[in-house]
Structure formats: C-alpha cells, structure tokens
Amino acid sequence: MLCMILTFMLFFQPPPIKPTDNQLTLADIDVIKVVGKGNGGVVQLVQHKWTSQFFALKVIQMNIEESMRKQIAQELKINQQAQCPYVVVCYQSFYENGVISIILEYMDGGSLADLLKKVKTIPEDYLAAICKQVLKGLVYLHHEKHIIHRDLKPSNLLINHIGEVKITDFGVSAIMESTSGQANTFIGTYNYMSPERINGSQRGYNYKSDIWSLGLILLECALGRFPYAPPDQSETWESIFELIETIVDKPPPIPPSEQFSTEFCSFISACLQKDPKDRLSAQELMAHPFVNMYDDLEVDLSAYFSNAGSPLATL
C-alpha cells in the first residue's frame, strides 16, 4: 500500500504554479529561512507544500488608515499584473491586519549588492550585459506599464544562476509612497535619489529619476565604491544631509576616462544629467553604443555569477 502511495506521489506530482494561476495561499507554503531585510520588510525563502517550488515571501508591516486600503489593493494588483522576463514575477499578494505579504519569484543568486561584496568591481563587458537586461526591464515598466520604480539600487536588482538580472520592489515602493501622499515624499534610499527628487523642484519626478539611479548603480559597480566620495578623504559621509547637499548642488560624478571606454563614460554621462530633460530615456539608452559594444564576446553572466558565489544560492 505504501509503495502504491509513493508511486502515485511520484507520477502525479501537481504541475508547477504559474503567475497567472492566482491560486497561491499563505497556508500552502512553508518558511525555510530569512534571506533578506530591507524597504521596511523581511524576505523569506519559502517552499510550496504540494509542488515543492521555491518562492520568496516579502512581508511588510504597515499601519494604514482604512481609507488607504483600496489604493493599496490597486497597487498590489498592478504589481501582480507585471509580466516581463526582466522583472521579478509576483505570484500573489495579500493585505490583512496591517501586514502586506507578497509571494515572488525566487532569485537564487541574491542581489547585485551581494555580488559587489564578492567581486568588488565588475568589468565593463559584464556591466554592459547586466545593463542591457536592466534597461529592458525599465523600458517595460516605464513605457508599457507607466510605472516609476522610485527606489532603484543594487539591492533591488536580483540575479540567478542562469545569468538573469531582474528588477524587484517597484510595487513595494509605489505602495509605500501612496500611503505617504505625494510624489516628492522621501521614499527609498537617499544615495541613489535624483537631484530633482531630493529638492522637489520638478513638482515631484518622472521616469527619468530611475535613469539617474541606474547611472549611479553602474558607476558604483565599475569603481567598486559609491560614486560620491566623502570630503577630506573620509571613508563615510558624516551626515545624510551633507550627501544630499552634494547631490543637489555639486556636479555629477564622472568615470575616469583613462580607466574606462569612451562608450561607458558617454553612457554614464547620459544618465547622470542634473536636469532630467537632458537625460535619455530607457528606450533611447537601449540604442547607446555601450549597451551592445561587447555583444561579439558572448559574455556569460551565468558563469560569472556562479564563479563569484552567492550567499543565497544554497538552501
């Protein structure tokens, strides 16, 4: 009898759950371990009881007024409808008793921030391959879904063992901002915020704010440090206000021309324009020479990510 049951379980395994199935519940998953914290929430690695699929569960504690619940439900719905190979898939989301729970695709390589801790700097050819995937994700969010990410940073770019790079947390940023009120409310990480977003001079901000963040991220990956260096050769900024003042009032950082290609320097310059009107859009940046200049090398991001090792890849 036991053999028959085991045989049945082996040959009649439920099919994998798809994002469009809309059938996941929190009762159907087991928590394996905590894999990250940030943006007001905790991320857990979870496994579905019946299909054995792995997912990431993001849990956010929020004290929200009753009047905001419909708006949050709408943001969660938008989050779940976003389907793109370059955006982390949202399978299901729930809001109950002040807790938002979002079941996401599990990216087993961790984040770009995790990768940087391992490799310190990323060579241009690999950066171009990473950049191309992120741009495709931004084209989808900006031009197809009309979504501003609001909090693009290395920890919100996730990677996996097959060489994929995907944008995450855009829905979470939208939810947190919608509960705060205005488009120029400080939501997200100050380090990667655009000047117009910090000073509110543009009456909020638009998609070009994400492009500024992308430029800083890529320059940080190339340099191995955050592009805005603290004054007096200090290791860290003494205050966030000093950093904010520098971003708003000082010229944007530029890559040293003797260390990097003309194409890379030009790409960073196209992203880090103080006036958002002078910044290229994600669609325009897709045509920039830097994005495709290393295509002939057939860059293998899968091998690069695997060789670097990952703090999250082992269960």
Protein backbone atom coordinates (compact mmCIF):
# COMPACT_ATOMS: atom_id res chain seq x y z
CA MET A 1 0.00 0.00 0.00
CA LEU A 2 2.83 2.38 0.92
CA CYS A 3 4.53 1.61 -2.39
CA MET A 4 1.34 2.49 -4.24
CA ILE A 5 1.08 5.83 -2.43
CA LEU A 6 4.71 6.68 -3.14
CA THR A 7 4.28 5.72 -6.79
CA PHE A 8 1.18 7.91 -7.03
CA MET A 9 3.04 10.86 -5.49
CA LEU A 10 5.98 10.36 -7.85
CA PHE A 11 4.00 10.17 -11.08
CA PHE A 12 1.15 12.51 -10.21
CA GLN A 13 3.14 15.49 -8.94
CA PRO A 14 1.00 18.65 -9.31
CA PRO A 15 2.13 20.88 -12.20
CA PRO A 16 4.23 23.93 -11.28
CA ILE A 17 2.24 27.00 -10.30
CA LYS A 18 2.21 29.79 -12.88
CA PRO A 19 1.88 33.51 -12.08
CA THR A 20 -1.46 33.60 -13.90
CA ASP A 21 -2.95 30.74 -11.85
CA ASN A 22 -3.92 33.07 -9.00
CA GLN A 23 -4.16 30.11 -6.61
CA LEU A 24 -1.36 30.50 -4.05
CA THR A 25 -2.25 31.00 -0.39
CA LEU A 26 -0.03 31.59 2.63
CA ALA A 27 -1.30 28.33 4.13
CA ASP A 28 0.23 26.43 1.18
CA ILE A 29 3.83 27.45 1.87
CA ASP A 30 6.48 26.52 4.42
CA VAL A 31 9.11 29.02 5.54
CA ILE A 32 12.68 27.78 5.01
CA LYS A 33 14.71 30.75 6.24
CA VAL A 34 15.07 34.55 6.20
CA VAL A 35 17.18 35.66 3.22
CA GLY A 36 16.98 39.43 3.42
CA LYS A 37 15.70 42.57 5.07
CA GLY A 38 15.02 45.98 3.59
CA ASN A 39 12.50 48.56 2.37
CA GLY A 40 10.51 48.13 5.56
CA GLY A 41 10.12 44.37 5.18
CA VAL A 42 11.57 40.90 5.66
CA VAL A 43 12.18 38.47 2.79
CA GLN A 44 11.89 34.73 3.45
CA LEU A 45 12.70 31.73 1.28
CA VAL A 46 9.56 29.58 1.23
CA GLN A 47 8.56 26.30 -0.40
CA HIS A 48 5.17 25.28 -1.74
CA LYS A 49 3.90 22.20 0.07
CA TRP A 50 2.46 20.43 -2.97
CA THR A 51 4.66 21.37 -5.94
CA SER A 52 7.93 21.83 -3.97
CA GLN A 53 8.53 25.11 -5.82
CA PHE A 54 10.63 27.74 -4.09
CA PHE A 55 9.40 31.33 -3.79
CA ALA A 56 10.44 34.48 -1.96
CA LEU A 57 7.92 35.85 0.53
CA LYS A 58 8.20 39.56 1.33
CA VAL A 59 6.37 40.61 4.50
CA ILE A 60 5.84 44.31 5.26
CA GLN A 61 4.31 45.64 8.47
CA MET A 62 2.29 48.79 7.86
CA ASN A 63 -0.12 50.80 9.97
CA ILE A 64 -2.52 52.04 7.32
CA GLU A 65 -5.69 54.07 7.55
CA GLU A 66 -8.88 52.40 6.36
CA SER A 67 -9.21 54.95 3.56
CA MET A 68 -5.90 53.78 2.01
CA ARG A 69 -6.80 50.09 1.72
CA LYS A 70 -8.37 50.34 -1.74
CA GLN A 71 -5.34 52.20 -3.03
CA ILE A 72 -3.01 49.53 -1.64
CA ALA A 73 -5.14 46.78 -3.16
CA GLN A 74 -4.84 48.54 -6.53
CA GLU A 75 -1.04 48.82 -6.23
CA LEU A 76 -0.81 45.12 -5.34
CA LYS A 77 -2.93 44.25 -8.36
CA ILE A 78 -0.66 46.30 -10.66
CA ASN A 79 2.34 44.56 -9.12
CA GLN A 80 0.87 41.13 -9.87
CA GLN A 81 -0.06 42.03 -13.46
CA ALA A 82 3.52 42.98 -14.38
CA GLN A 83 4.82 40.09 -16.50
CA CYS A 84 8.24 40.59 -18.08
CA PRO A 85 11.42 38.44 -18.26
CA TYR A 86 13.40 41.31 -16.76
CA VAL A 87 11.12 41.98 -13.79
CA VAL A 88 10.79 39.66 -10.77
CA VAL A 89 7.47 37.83 -11.08
CA CYS A 90 4.82 38.49 -8.44
CA TYR A 91 2.69 35.37 -7.97
CA GLN A 92 0.28 36.53 -5.30
CA SER A 93 -0.16 39.36 -2.81
CA PHE A 94 -2.26 39.76 0.31
CA TYR A 95 -3.14 42.55 2.71
CA GLU A 96 -4.51 41.65 6.12
CA ASN A 97 -4.41 43.27 9.56
CA GLY A 98 -1.75 45.82 8.60
CA VAL A 99 0.55 43.22 7.00
CA ILE A 100 1.34 43.08 3.29
CA SER A 101 2.55 39.67 2.10
CA ILE A 102 3.91 39.31 -1.44
CA ILE A 103 4.87 35.93 -2.94
CA LEU A 104 7.63 36.49 -5.52
CA GLU A 105 9.84 34.56 -7.88
CA TYR A 106 12.92 33.32 -6.01
CA MET A 107 16.22 34.56 -7.48
CA ASP A 108 18.89 32.22 -6.15
CA GLY A 109 21.90 34.47 -6.78
CA GLY A 110 20.90 37.21 -4.37
CA SER A 111 21.25 40.85 -5.43
CA LEU A 112 23.73 42.99 -7.30
CA ALA A 113 24.70 44.39 -3.88
CA ASP A 114 25.59 40.84 -2.73
CA LEU A 115 27.63 40.30 -5.90
CA LEU A 116 29.57 43.53 -5.39
CA LYS A 117 30.59 42.43 -1.89
CA LYS A 118 32.18 39.36 -3.50
CA VAL A 119 33.82 40.80 -6.63
CA LYS A 120 34.39 44.44 -5.53
CA THR A 121 34.27 45.72 -9.16
CA ILE A 122 32.51 44.45 -12.29
CA PRO A 123 34.34 44.61 -15.66
CA GLU A 124 32.78 46.65 -18.44
CA ASP A 125 31.79 43.70 -20.64
CA TYR A 126 29.79 42.11 -17.82
CA LEU A 127 28.37 45.51 -16.85
CA ALA A 128 27.11 46.01 -20.41
CA ALA A 129 25.32 42.65 -20.29
CA ILE A 130 23.79 43.49 -16.88
CA CYS A 131 22.85 46.98 -18.07
CA LYS A 132 21.03 45.63 -21.13
CA GLN A 133 18.75 43.45 -19.00
CA VAL A 134 18.02 46.25 -16.53
CA LEU A 135 17.21 48.64 -19.38
CA LYS A 136 14.79 46.13 -20.89
CA GLY A 137 13.08 45.91 -17.51
CA LEU A 138 12.89 49.72 -17.27
CA VAL A 139 11.52 50.02 -20.81
CA TYR A 140 8.76 47.62 -19.77
CA LEU A 141 7.98 49.42 -16.50
CA HIS A 142 8.23 52.96 -17.88
CA HIS A 143 6.80 52.68 -21.36
CA GLU A 144 4.43 49.71 -21.19
CA LYS A 145 3.16 49.80 -17.60
CA HIS A 146 3.80 53.52 -16.89
CA ILE A 147 5.41 52.67 -13.56
CA ILE A 148 8.24 54.61 -11.90
CA HIS A 149 10.36 52.33 -9.74
CA ARG A 150 11.21 55.06 -7.17
CA ASP A 151 13.87 53.03 -5.35
CA LEU A 152 16.28 51.56 -7.91
CA LYS A 153 19.51 50.46 -6.19
CA PRO A 154 21.90 47.46 -6.24
CA SER A 155 19.86 45.51 -3.67
CA ASN A 156 16.76 45.81 -5.90
CA LEU A 157 18.46 44.18 -8.89
CA LEU A 158 18.35 40.42 -8.38
CA ILE A 159 20.39 37.74 -10.17
CA ASN A 160 20.22 33.98 -10.60
CA HIS A 161 22.45 31.07 -11.58
CA ILE A 162 21.35 31.13 -15.24
CA GLY A 163 22.59 34.69 -15.72
CA GLU A 164 19.34 36.59 -15.46
CA VAL A 165 19.10 40.08 -13.94
CA LYS A 166 15.67 41.26 -12.82
CA ILE A 167 14.21 44.37 -11.23
CA THR A 168 12.32 43.93 -7.97
CA ASP A 169 10.48 46.01 -5.37
CA PHE A 170 8.88 48.52 -7.77
CA GLY A 171 5.43 47.67 -6.40
CA VAL A 172 6.58 47.97 -2.80
CA SER A 173 7.97 51.45 -3.45
CA ALA A 174 4.69 52.51 -5.04
CA ILE A 175 2.70 51.21 -2.07
CA MET A 176 4.87 52.97 0.47
CA GLU A 177 4.71 56.19 -1.49
CA SER A 178 0.95 56.04 -1.99
CA THR A 179 0.49 55.75 1.76
CA SER A 180 2.76 58.74 2.33
CA GLY A 181 0.92 61.04 0.00
CA GLN A 182 2.91 62.94 -2.60
CA ALA A 183 5.29 62.14 -5.44
CA ASN A 184 8.06 64.19 -3.83
CA THR A 185 7.85 62.41 -0.47
CA PHE A 186 11.16 60.83 0.56
CA ILE A 187 10.63 57.16 -0.15
CA GLY A 188 13.60 54.96 -0.91
CA THR A 189 17.35 55.27 -0.49
CA TYR A 190 18.77 58.81 -0.47
CA ASN A 191 22.08 57.70 -2.03
CA TYR A 192 20.51 56.88 -5.40
CA MET A 193 17.86 59.62 -5.50
CA SER A 194 17.95 62.10 -8.37
CA PRO A 195 18.56 65.79 -7.63
CA GLU A 196 15.05 66.82 -8.73
CA ARG A 197 13.54 64.25 -6.44
CA ILE A 198 15.51 65.46 -3.44
CA ASN A 199 14.83 69.16 -3.86
CA GLY A 200 11.29 68.84 -5.22
CA SER A 201 11.99 71.45 -7.90
CA GLN A 202 10.23 69.45 -10.61
CA ARG A 203 6.97 69.10 -8.68
CA GLY A 204 7.71 65.50 -7.93
CA TYR A 205 9.56 63.46 -10.56
CA ASN A 206 9.11 61.19 -13.54
CA TYR A 207 10.67 58.13 -15.18
CA LYS A 208 13.96 59.97 -15.67
CA SER A 209 14.55 59.71 -11.91
CA ASP A 210 15.11 55.96 -12.35
CA ILE A 211 17.67 56.67 -15.10
CA TRP A 212 19.75 58.76 -12.67
CA SER A 213 19.68 55.85 -10.21
CA LEU A 214 20.79 53.42 -12.95
CA GLY A 215 23.76 55.63 -13.80
CA LEU A 216 24.92 55.72 -10.17
CA ILE A 217 24.49 51.95 -9.83
CA LEU A 218 26.58 51.18 -12.93
CA LEU A 219 29.29 53.66 -11.94
CA GLU A 220 29.43 52.15 -8.45
CA CYS A 221 29.84 48.66 -9.97
CA ALA A 222 32.69 49.93 -12.17
CA LEU A 223 34.52 51.90 -9.46
CA GLY A 224 33.94 49.49 -6.58
CA ARG A 225 32.66 52.30 -4.37
CA PHE A 226 29.73 54.71 -4.21
CA PRO A 227 30.43 57.41 -6.86
CA TYR A 228 30.06 60.38 -4.50
CA ALA A 229 33.24 60.38 -2.42
CA PRO A 230 33.03 61.94 1.07
CA PRO A 231 35.05 65.16 1.56
CA ASP A 232 38.50 65.23 3.15
CA GLN A 233 39.18 61.62 2.09
CA SER A 234 36.84 60.29 4.77
CA GLU A 235 35.60 56.73 4.43
CA THR A 236 31.96 57.59 5.04
CA TRP A 237 29.66 60.58 4.87
CA GLU A 238 29.26 62.12 8.30
CA SER A 239 25.63 63.01 7.65
CA ILE A 240 23.00 62.19 5.06
CA PHE A 241 22.32 65.92 4.72
CA GLU A 242 25.89 66.51 3.56
CA LEU A 243 25.45 63.84 0.87
CA ILE A 244 22.08 65.27 -0.20
CA GLU A 245 23.58 68.75 -0.50
CA THR A 246 26.38 67.37 -2.65
CA ILE A 247 23.97 65.53 -4.99
CA VAL A 248 21.82 68.65 -5.45
CA ASP A 249 24.49 71.37 -5.63
CA LYS A 250 27.68 69.78 -6.98
CA PRO A 251 28.42 68.46 -10.50
CA PRO A 252 27.53 64.77 -11.03
CA PRO A 253 30.30 62.17 -10.71
CA ILE A 254 32.08 61.03 -13.88
CA PRO A 255 34.12 57.88 -14.61
CA PRO A 256 37.87 58.43 -15.02
CA SER A 257 38.39 58.48 -18.80
CA GLU A 258 41.77 56.76 -18.51
CA GLN A 259 40.18 53.73 -16.79
CA PHE A 260 37.06 53.20 -18.90
CA SER A 261 35.96 53.17 -22.52
CA THR A 262 34.61 56.28 -24.23
CA GLU A 263 31.30 54.45 -24.67
CA PHE A 264 30.93 53.69 -20.97
CA CYS A 265 31.80 57.27 -19.98
CA SER A 266 29.27 58.57 -22.51
CA PHE A 267 26.55 56.22 -21.19
CA ILE A 268 27.09 57.33 -17.59
CA SER A 269 27.01 60.96 -18.67
CA ALA A 270 23.70 60.36 -20.47
CA CYS A 271 22.23 59.01 -17.21
CA LEU A 272 23.74 61.49 -14.75
CA GLN A 273 22.46 64.76 -16.16
CA LYS A 274 21.32 67.11 -13.39
CA ASP A 275 18.36 68.32 -15.47
CA PRO A 276 16.03 65.36 -16.13
CA LYS A 277 15.12 66.86 -19.53
CA ASP A 278 18.73 66.25 -20.60
CA ARG A 279 18.69 62.59 -19.52
CA LEU A 280 18.00 59.90 -22.09
CA SER A 281 15.02 57.59 -21.58
CA ALA A 282 15.37 53.82 -21.13
CA GLN A 283 14.28 53.32 -24.76
CA GLU A 284 16.85 55.81 -26.01
CA LEU A 285 19.59 54.25 -23.88
CA MET A 286 18.91 50.84 -25.44
CA ALA A 287 20.39 52.29 -28.66
CA HIS A 288 23.51 53.65 -26.92
CA PRO A 289 26.79 52.13 -28.26
CA PHE A 290 27.87 50.93 -24.79
CA VAL A 291 24.91 48.56 -24.44
CA ASN A 292 25.90 46.42 -27.44
CA MET A 293 29.64 47.04 -27.75
CA TYR A 294 30.61 43.70 -26.17
CA ASP A 295 27.97 41.51 -27.88
CA ASP A 296 30.62 39.76 -30.01
CA LEU A 297 32.33 38.47 -26.85
CA GLU A 298 29.26 36.37 -25.94
CA VAL A 299 29.55 37.36 -22.28
CA ASP A 300 28.50 34.50 -19.97
CA LEU A 301 26.78 36.06 -16.96
CA SER A 302 25.74 32.62 -15.72
CA ALA A 303 29.38 31.55 -15.27
CA TYR A 304 30.34 34.95 -13.87
CA PHE A 305 27.60 34.89 -11.21
CA SER A 306 28.31 31.24 -10.33
CA ASN A 307 32.07 31.75 -10.04
CA ALA A 308 31.51 34.73 -7.76
CA GLY A 309 29.47 32.56 -5.41
CA SER A 310 26.21 33.57 -3.77
CA PRO A 311 25.15 33.86 -0.14
CA LEU A 312 21.63 32.75 -1.03
CA ALA A 313 22.15 30.02 -3.61
CA THR A 314 22.38 27.16 -1.13
CA LEU A 315 19.23 26.15 0.73
